[in-house]
PDB file of N, CA and C in Angstrom:
ATOM      1  N   MET A   1      53.142  -3.000 -19.556  1.00  0.00           N
ATOM      2  CA  MET A   1      54.330  -3.579 -20.179  1.00  0.00           C
ATOM      3  C   MET A   1      55.551  -2.826 -19.656  1.00  0.00           C
ATOM      4  N   SER A   2      56.490  -3.565 -19.147  1.00  0.00           N
ATOM      5  CA  SER A   2      57.707  -2.929 -18.650  1.00  0.00           C
ATOM      6  C   SER A   2      58.613  -2.570 -19.822  1.00  0.00           C
ATOM      7  N   ASP A   3      59.617  -1.755 -19.529  1.00  0.00           N
ATOM      8  CA  ASP A   3      60.578  -1.389 -20.572  1.00  0.00           C
ATOM      9  C   ASP A   3      61.288  -2.619 -21.116  1.00  0.00           C
ATOM     10  N   ALA A   4      61.605  -3.561 -20.235  1.00  0.00           N
ATOM     11  CA  ALA A   4      62.294  -4.785 -20.676  1.00  0.00           C
ATOM     12  C   ALA A   4      61.417  -5.579 -21.634  1.00  0.00           C
ATOM     13  N   ASP A   5      60.115  -5.664 -21.329  1.00  0.00           N
ATOM     14  CA  ASP A   5      59.202  -6.377 -22.228  1.00  0.00           C
ATOM     15  C   ASP A   5      59.094  -5.674 -23.572  1.00  0.00           C
ATOM     16  N   ALA A   6      59.039  -4.343 -23.531  1.00  0.00           N
ATOM     17  CA  ALA A   6      58.946  -3.579 -24.776  1.00  0.00           C
ATOM     18  C   ALA A   6      60.194  -3.787 -25.624  1.00  0.00           C
ATOM     19  N   TYR A   7      61.365  -3.766 -24.988  1.00  0.00           N
ATOM     20  CA  TYR A   7      62.608  -3.978 -25.733  1.00  0.00           C
ATOM     21  C   TYR A   7      62.690  -5.406 -26.265  1.00  0.00           C
ATOM     22  N   ARG A   8      62.206  -6.368 -25.490  1.00  0.00           N
ATOM     23  CA  ARG A   8      62.218  -7.761 -25.940  1.00  0.00           C
ATOM     24  C   ARG A   8      61.329  -7.928 -27.176  1.00  0.00           C
ATOM     25  N   ARG A   9      60.146  -7.345 -27.138  1.00  0.00           N
ATOM     26  CA  ARG A   9      59.228  -7.436 -28.275  1.00  0.00           C
ATOM     27  C   ARG A   9      59.807  -6.720 -29.489  1.00  0.00           C
ATOM     28  N   ALA A  10      60.363  -5.535 -29.280  1.00  0.00           N
ATOM     29  CA  ALA A  10      60.951  -4.776 -30.387  1.00  0.00           C
ATOM     30  C   ALA A  10      62.144  -5.518 -30.972  1.00  0.00           C
ATOM     31  N   SER A  11      62.953  -6.114 -30.120  1.00  0.00           N
ATOM     32  CA  SER A  11      64.126  -6.850 -30.590  1.00  0.00           C
ATOM     33  C   SER A  11      63.711  -8.026 -31.461  1.00  0.00           C
ATOM     34  N   ARG A  12      62.663  -8.726 -31.071  1.00  0.00           N
ATOM     35  CA  ARG A  12      62.168  -9.849 -31.876  1.00  0.00           C
ATOM     36  C   ARG A  12      61.706  -9.372 -33.250  1.00  0.00           C
ATOM     37  N   ASP A  13      60.950  -8.278 -33.276  1.00  0.00           N
ATOM     38  CA  ASP A  13      60.462  -7.749 -34.548  1.00  0.00           C
ATOM     39  C   ASP A  13      61.613  -7.301 -35.440  1.00  0.00           C
ATOM     40  N   VAL A  14      62.600  -6.636 -34.845  1.00  0.00           N
ATOM     41  CA  VAL A  14      63.746  -6.154 -35.619  1.00  0.00           C
ATOM     42  C   VAL A  14      64.566  -7.330 -36.143  1.00  0.00           C
ATOM     43  N   ASN A  15      64.743  -8.369 -35.333  1.00  0.00           N
ATOM     44  CA  ASN A  15      65.508  -9.528 -35.791  1.00  0.00           C
ATOM     45  C   ASN A  15      64.857 -10.194 -36.991  1.00  0.00           C
ATOM     46  N   LEU A  16      63.537 -10.273 -37.001  1.00  0.00           N
ATOM     47  CA  LEU A  16      62.846 -10.842 -38.158  1.00  0.00           C
ATOM     48  C   LEU A  16      63.097  -9.997 -39.406  1.00  0.00           C
ATOM     49  N   PHE A  17      63.043  -8.685 -39.240  1.00  0.00           N
ATOM     50  CA  PHE A  17      63.302  -7.791 -40.370  1.00  0.00           C
ATOM     51  C   PHE A  17      64.744  -7.902 -40.844  1.00  0.00           C
ATOM     52  N   MET A  18      65.686  -8.003 -39.901  1.00  0.00           N
ATOM     53  CA  MET A  18      67.103  -8.014 -40.263  1.00  0.00           C
ATOM     54  C   MET A  18      67.504  -9.278 -40.998  1.00  0.00           C
ATOM     55  N   MET A  19      66.771 -10.361 -40.831  1.00  0.00           N
ATOM     56  CA  MET A  19      67.070 -11.564 -41.605  1.00  0.00           C
ATOM     57  C   MET A  19      66.908 -11.274 -43.093  1.00  0.00           C
ATOM     58  N   THR A  20      65.890 -10.505 -43.441  1.00  0.00           N
ATOM     59  CA  THR A  20      65.691 -10.105 -44.829  1.00  0.00           C
ATOM     60  C   THR A  20      66.751  -9.099 -45.251  1.00  0.00           C
ATOM     61  N   ALA A  21      67.080  -8.170 -44.387  1.00  0.00           N
ATOM     62  CA  ALA A  21      68.090  -7.161 -44.721  1.00  0.00           C
ATOM     63  C   ALA A  21      69.454  -7.805 -44.945  1.00  0.00           C
ATOM     64  N   LEU A  22      69.775  -8.817 -44.156  1.00  0.00           N
ATOM     65  CA  LEU A  22      71.063  -9.493 -44.307  1.00  0.00           C
ATOM     66  C   LEU A  22      71.191 -10.125 -45.689  1.00  0.00           C
ATOM     67  N   PHE A  23      70.112 -10.695 -46.184  1.00  0.00           N
ATOM     68  CA  PHE A  23      70.115 -11.255 -47.534  1.00  0.00           C
ATOM     69  C   PHE A  23      70.477 -10.177 -48.552  1.00  0.00           C
ATOM     70  N   HIS A  24      69.903  -8.992 -48.399  1.00  0.00           N
ATOM     71  CA  HIS A  24      70.189  -7.908 -49.339  1.00  0.00           C
ATOM     72  C   HIS A  24      71.628  -7.417 -49.218  1.00  0.00           C
ATOM     73  N   VAL A  25      72.171  -7.428 -48.015  1.00  0.00           N
ATOM     74  CA  VAL A  25      73.578  -7.053 -47.840  1.00  0.00           C
ATOM     75  C   VAL A  25      74.474  -8.037 -48.582  1.00  0.00           C
ATOM     76  N   PHE A  26      74.190  -9.320 -48.443  1.00  0.00           N
ATOM     77  CA  PHE A  26      74.992 -10.316 -49.159  1.00  0.00           C
ATOM     78  C   PHE A  26      74.865 -10.142 -50.668  1.00  0.00           C
ATOM     79  N   MET A  27      73.687  -9.784 -51.132  1.00  0.00           N
ATOM     80  CA  MET A  27      73.501  -9.539 -52.566  1.00  0.00           C
ATOM     81  C   MET A  27      74.338  -8.334 -53.003  1.00  0.00           C
ATOM     82  N   ALA A  28      74.368  -7.286 -52.197  1.00  0.00           N
ATOM     83  CA  ALA A  28      75.169  -6.104 -52.535  1.00  0.00           C
ATOM     84  C   ALA A  28      76.655  -6.439 -52.527  1.00  0.00           C
ATOM     85  N   MET A  29      77.081  -7.241 -51.569  1.00  0.00           N
ATOM     86  CA  MET A  29      78.488  -7.637 -51.527  1.00  0.00           C
ATOM     87  C   MET A  29      78.839  -8.473 -52.753  1.00  0.00           C
ATOM     88  N   GLY A  30      77.945  -9.354 -53.143  1.00  0.00           N
ATOM     89  CA  GLY A  30      78.171 -10.154 -54.347  1.00  0.00           C
ATOM     90  C   GLY A  30      78.260  -9.284 -55.582  1.00  0.00           C
ATOM     91  N   ALA A  31      77.405  -8.272 -55.663  1.00  0.00           N
ATOM     92  CA  ALA A  31      77.463  -7.352 -56.801  1.00  0.00           C
ATOM     93  C   ALA A  31      78.791  -6.608 -56.814  1.00  0.00           C
ATOM     94  N   GLY A  32      79.291  -6.240 -55.639  1.00  0.00           N
ATOM     95  CA  GLY A  32      80.581  -5.559 -55.564  1.00  0.00           C
ATOM     96  C   GLY A  32      81.714  -6.445 -56.027  1.00  0.00           C
ATOM     97  N   VAL A  33      81.709  -7.708 -55.644  1.00  0.00           N
ATOM     98  CA  VAL A  33      82.762  -8.642 -56.066  1.00  0.00           C
ATOM     99  C   VAL A  33      82.708  -8.865 -57.568  1.00  0.00           C
ATOM    100  N   ILE A  34      81.516  -9.061 -58.101  1.00  0.00           N
ATOM    101  CA  ILE A  34      81.375  -9.252 -59.549  1.00  0.00           C
ATOM    102  C   ILE A  34      81.837  -8.000 -60.281  1.00  0.00           C
ATOM    103  N   GLY A  35      81.477  -6.837 -59.756  1.00  0.00           N
ATOM    104  CA  GLY A  35      81.903  -5.584 -60.386  1.00  0.00           C
ATOM    105  C   GLY A  35      83.412  -5.420 -60.360  1.00  0.00           C
ATOM    106  N   LEU A  36      84.062  -5.789 -59.259  1.00  0.00           N
ATOM    107  CA  LEU A  36      85.521  -5.689 -59.175  1.00  0.00           C
ATOM    108  C   LEU A  36      86.192  -6.620 -60.175  1.00  0.00           C
ATOM    109  N   MET A  37      85.616  -7.774 -60.380  1.00  0.00           N
ATOM    110  CA  MET A  37      86.210  -8.712 -61.326  1.00  0.00           C
ATOM    111  C   MET A  37      86.056  -8.219 -62.758  1.00  0.00           C
ATOM    112  N   GLY A  38      84.959  -7.531 -63.037  1.00  0.00           N
ATOM    113  CA  GLY A  38      84.692  -7.124 -64.416  1.00  0.00           C
ATOM    114  C   GLY A  38      85.115  -5.702 -64.729  1.00  0.00           C
ATOM    115  N   TYR A  39      84.578  -4.753 -64.011  1.00  0.00           N
ATOM    116  CA  TYR A  39      84.798  -3.339 -64.319  1.00  0.00           C
ATOM    117  C   TYR A  39      85.104  -2.588 -63.024  1.00  0.00           C
ATOM    118  N   TRP A  40      86.076  -1.681 -63.090  1.00  0.00           N
ATOM    119  CA  TRP A  40      86.428  -0.926 -61.897  1.00  0.00           C
ATOM    120  C   TRP A  40      85.276  -0.048 -61.429  1.00  0.00           C
ATOM    121  N   LEU A  41      84.576   0.564 -62.364  1.00  0.00           N
ATOM    122  CA  LEU A  41      83.461   1.430 -61.979  1.00  0.00           C
ATOM    123  C   LEU A  41      82.373   0.623 -61.284  1.00  0.00           C
ATOM    124  N   GLY A  42      82.053  -0.521 -61.863  1.00  0.00           N
ATOM    125  CA  GLY A  42      81.045  -1.383 -61.234  1.00  0.00           C
ATOM    126  C   GLY A  42      81.485  -1.835 -59.854  1.00  0.00           C
ATOM    127  N   GLY A  43      82.784  -2.133 -59.728  1.00  0.00           N
ATOM    128  CA  GLY A  43      83.307  -2.548 -58.426  1.00  0.00           C
ATOM    129  C   GLY A  43      83.237  -1.433 -57.405  1.00  0.00           C
ATOM    130  N   ALA A  44      83.550  -0.220 -57.837  1.00  0.00           N
ATOM    131  CA  ALA A  44      83.499   0.920 -56.921  1.00  0.00           C
ATOM    132  C   ALA A  44      82.065   1.172 -56.464  1.00  0.00           C
ATOM    133  N   LEU A  45      81.132   1.120 -57.398  1.00  0.00           N
ATOM    134  CA  LEU A  45      79.729   1.324 -57.028  1.00  0.00           C
ATOM    135  C   LEU A  45      79.245   0.209 -56.107  1.00  0.00           C
ATOM    136  N   GLY A  46      79.640  -1.017 -56.424  1.00  0.00           N
ATOM    137  CA  GLY A  46      79.252  -2.139 -55.571  1.00  0.00           C
ATOM    138  C   GLY A  46      79.841  -2.022 -54.179  1.00  0.00           C
ATOM    139  N   ALA A  47      81.095  -1.540 -54.102  1.00  0.00           N
ATOM    140  CA  ALA A  47      81.740  -1.372 -52.798  1.00  0.00           C
ATOM    141  C   ALA A  47      81.030  -0.300 -51.973  1.00  0.00           C
ATOM    142  N   VAL A  48      80.634   0.792 -52.615  1.00  0.00           N
ATOM    143  CA  VAL A  48      79.912   1.856 -51.908  1.00  0.00           C
ATOM    144  C   VAL A  48      78.584   1.323 -51.380  1.00  0.00           C
ATOM    145  N   VAL A  49      77.876   0.591 -52.226  1.00  0.00           N
ATOM    146  CA  VAL A  49      76.599   0.010 -51.794  1.00  0.00           C
ATOM    147  C   VAL A  49      76.828  -0.959 -50.637  1.00  0.00           C
ATOM    148  N   GLY A  50      77.894  -1.742 -50.725  1.00  0.00           N
ATOM    149  CA  GLY A  50      78.202  -2.684 -49.651  1.00  0.00           C
ATOM    150  C   GLY A  50      78.513  -1.992 -48.334  1.00  0.00           C
ATOM    151  N   VAL A  51      79.261  -0.885 -48.395  1.00  0.00           N
ATOM    152  CA  VAL A  51      79.590  -0.139 -47.171  1.00  0.00           C
ATOM    153  C   VAL A  51      78.328   0.463 -46.558  1.00  0.00           C
ATOM    154  N   ILE A  52      77.483   1.036 -47.394  1.00  0.00           N
ATOM    155  CA  ILE A  52      76.230   1.618 -46.894  1.00  0.00           C
ATOM    156  C   ILE A  52      75.354   0.533 -46.279  1.00  0.00           C
ATOM    157  N   ALA A  53      75.256  -0.593 -46.975  1.00  0.00           N
ATOM    158  CA  ALA A  53      74.437  -1.692 -46.454  1.00  0.00           C
ATOM    159  C   ALA A  53      75.022  -2.234 -45.154  1.00  0.00           C
ATOM    160  N   GLY A  54      76.344  -2.308 -45.072  1.00  0.00           N
ATOM    161  CA  GLY A  54      76.977  -2.782 -43.841  1.00  0.00           C
ATOM    162  C   GLY A  54      76.721  -1.846 -42.674  1.00  0.00           C
ATOM    163  N   ALA A  55      76.790  -0.541 -42.925  1.00  0.00           N
ATOM    164  CA  ALA A  55      76.502   0.431 -41.867  1.00  0.00           C
ATOM    165  C   ALA A  55      75.046   0.320 -41.420  1.00  0.00           C
ATOM    166  N   ALA A  56      74.157   0.144 -42.380  1.00  0.00           N
ATOM    167  CA  ALA A  56      72.742  -0.010 -42.038  1.00  0.00           C
ATOM    168  C   ALA A  56      72.521  -1.285 -41.235  1.00  0.00           C
ATOM    169  N   LEU A  57      73.250  -2.326 -41.590  1.00  0.00           N
ATOM    170  CA  LEU A  57      73.115  -3.588 -40.867  1.00  0.00           C
ATOM    171  C   LEU A  57      73.620  -3.450 -39.435  1.00  0.00           C
ATOM    172  N   PHE A  58      74.647  -2.629 -39.235  1.00  0.00           N
ATOM    173  CA  PHE A  58      75.208  -2.456 -37.895  1.00  0.00           C
ATOM    174  C   PHE A  58      74.340  -1.540 -37.037  1.00  0.00           C
ATOM    175  N   TRP A  59      74.024  -0.352 -37.540  1.00  0.00           N
ATOM    176  CA  TRP A  59      73.303   0.645 -36.740  1.00  0.00           C
ATOM    177  C   TRP A  59      71.791   0.474 -36.789  1.00  0.00           C
ATOM    178  N   GLY A  60      71.281  -0.070 -37.872  1.00  0.00           N
ATOM    179  CA  GLY A  60      69.838  -0.186 -38.051  1.00  0.00           C
ATOM    180  C   GLY A  60      69.114  -0.911 -36.929  1.00  0.00           C
ATOM    181  N   PRO A  61      69.582  -2.102 -36.541  1.00  0.00           N
ATOM    182  CA  PRO A  61      68.860  -2.829 -35.494  1.00  0.00           C
ATOM    183  C   PRO A  61      68.819  -2.091 -34.161  1.00  0.00           C
ATOM    184  N   MET A  62      69.903  -1.420 -33.810  1.00  0.00           N
ATOM    185  CA  MET A  62      69.929  -0.705 -32.530  1.00  0.00           C
ATOM    186  C   MET A  62      68.921   0.435 -32.532  1.00  0.00           C
ATOM    187  N   VAL A  63      68.918   1.212 -33.603  1.00  0.00           N
ATOM    188  CA  VAL A  63      68.000   2.352 -33.687  1.00  0.00           C
ATOM    189  C   VAL A  63      66.559   1.862 -33.773  1.00  0.00           C
ATOM    190  N   ALA A  64      66.319   0.873 -34.625  1.00  0.00           N
ATOM    191  CA  ALA A  64      64.955   0.373 -34.802  1.00  0.00           C
ATOM    192  C   ALA A  64      64.423  -0.261 -33.521  1.00  0.00           C
ATOM    193  N   THR A  65      65.254  -0.998 -32.804  1.00  0.00           N
ATOM    194  CA  THR A  65      64.813  -1.610 -31.548  1.00  0.00           C
ATOM    195  C   THR A  65      64.424  -0.535 -30.542  1.00  0.00           C
ATOM    196  N   HIS A  66      65.222   0.512 -30.436  1.00  0.00           N
ATOM    197  CA  HIS A  66      64.924   1.598 -29.500  1.00  0.00           C
ATOM    198  C   HIS A  66      63.612   2.291 -29.871  1.00  0.00           C
ATOM    199  N   VAL A  67      63.440   2.592 -31.152  1.00  0.00           N
ATOM    200  CA  VAL A  67      62.231   3.292 -31.598  1.00  0.00           C
ATOM    201  C   VAL A  67      60.994   2.426 -31.382  1.00  0.00           C
ATOM    202  N   LEU A  68      61.077   1.146 -31.765  1.00  0.00           N
ATOM    203  CA  LEU A  68      59.925   0.263 -31.584  1.00  0.00           C
ATOM    204  C   LEU A  68      59.597   0.052 -30.109  1.00  0.00           C
ATOM    205  N   ALA A  69      60.612  -0.072 -29.271  1.00  0.00           N
ATOM    206  CA  ALA A  69      60.359  -0.267 -27.843  1.00  0.00           C
ATOM    207  C   ALA A  69      59.626   0.934 -27.257  1.00  0.00           C
ATOM    208  N   ARG A  70      60.024   2.130 -27.644  1.00  0.00           N
ATOM    209  CA  ARG A  70      59.328   3.330 -27.161  1.00  0.00           C
ATOM    210  C   ARG A  70      57.883   3.346 -27.658  1.00  0.00           C
ATOM    211  N   LYS A  71      57.689   2.935 -28.921  1.00  0.00           N
ATOM    212  CA  LYS A  71      56.336   2.905 -29.485  1.00  0.00           C
ATOM    213  C   LYS A  71      55.469   1.899 -28.732  1.00  0.00           C
ATOM    214  N   TYR A  72      55.986   0.702 -28.495  1.00  0.00           N
ATOM    215  CA  TYR A  72      55.214  -0.323 -27.798  1.00  0.00           C
ATOM    216  C   TYR A  72      54.898   0.102 -26.367  1.00  0.00           C
ATOM    217  N   ALA A  73      55.843   0.727 -25.683  1.00  0.00           N
ATOM    218  CA  ALA A  73      55.606   1.190 -24.316  1.00  0.00           C
ATOM    219  C   ALA A  73      54.536   2.278 -24.297  1.00  0.00           C
ATOM    220  N   ALA A  74      54.572   3.187 -25.279  1.00  0.00           N
ATOM    221  CA  ALA A  74      53.568   4.253 -25.349  1.00  0.00           C
ATOM    222  C   ALA A  74      52.186   3.672 -25.627  1.00  0.00           C
ATOM    223  N   GLU A  75      52.106   2.674 -26.511  1.00  0.00           N
ATOM    224  CA  GLU A  75      50.819   2.033 -26.787  1.00  0.00           C
ATOM    225  C   GLU A  75      50.260   1.376 -25.529  1.00  0.00           C
ATOM    226  N   GLU A  76      51.118   0.715 -24.782  1.00  0.00           N
ATOM    227  CA  GLU A  76      50.684   0.049 -23.560  1.00  0.00           C
ATOM    228  C   GLU A  76      50.210   1.069 -22.525  1.00  0.00           C
ATOM    229  N   GLN A  77      50.896   2.188 -22.410  1.00  0.00           N
ATOM    230  CA  GLN A  77      50.464   3.229 -21.470  1.00  0.00           C
ATOM    231  C   GLN A  77      49.107   3.788 -21.877  1.00  0.00           C
ATOM    232  N   ARG A  78      48.899   3.977 -23.194  1.00  0.00           N
ATOM    233  CA  ARG A  78      47.610   4.470 -23.666  1.00  0.00           C
ATOM    234  C   ARG A  78      46.495   3.493 -23.309  1.00  0.00           C
ATOM    235  N   ARG A  79      46.762   2.201 -23.471  1.00  0.00           N
ATOM    236  CA  ARG A  79      45.762   1.188 -23.144  1.00  0.00           C
ATOM    237  C   ARG A  79      45.441   1.184 -21.650  1.00  0.00           C
ATOM    238  N   GLU A  80      46.454   1.381 -20.824  1.00  0.00           N
ATOM    239  CA  GLU A  80      46.243   1.372 -19.375  1.00  0.00           C
ATOM    240  C   GLU A  80      45.422   2.571 -18.913  1.00  0.00           C
ATOM    241  N   HIS A  81      45.543   3.702 -19.597  1.00  0.00           N
ATOM    242  CA  HIS A  81      44.851   4.921 -19.176  1.00  0.00           C
ATOM    243  C   HIS A  81      43.452   5.038 -19.760  1.00  0.00           C
ATOM    244  N   THR A  82      43.085   4.142 -20.652  1.00  0.00           N
ATOM    245  CA  THR A  82      41.730   4.232 -21.226  1.00  0.00           C
ATOM    246  C   THR A  82      40.830   3.173 -20.670  1.00  0.00           C
TER     247      THR A  82
END
């Protein structure tokens, strides 16, 4: 398996996972909006959760794709040597 194939496979797996993560980000953003409308403390907590979720949504796929691609390439090398 070439590096490109490993990254392609990892990217597909990460994209499937991120579809679920995106739903949770939208839920956190909704909680933040509801909190802002009702209580300042709830809004602040919701905003913090939203920022953390947004950062995870941005950086998570890049890191996870890199880690999975390395794992898949290592598995393929192990298979070739046995």
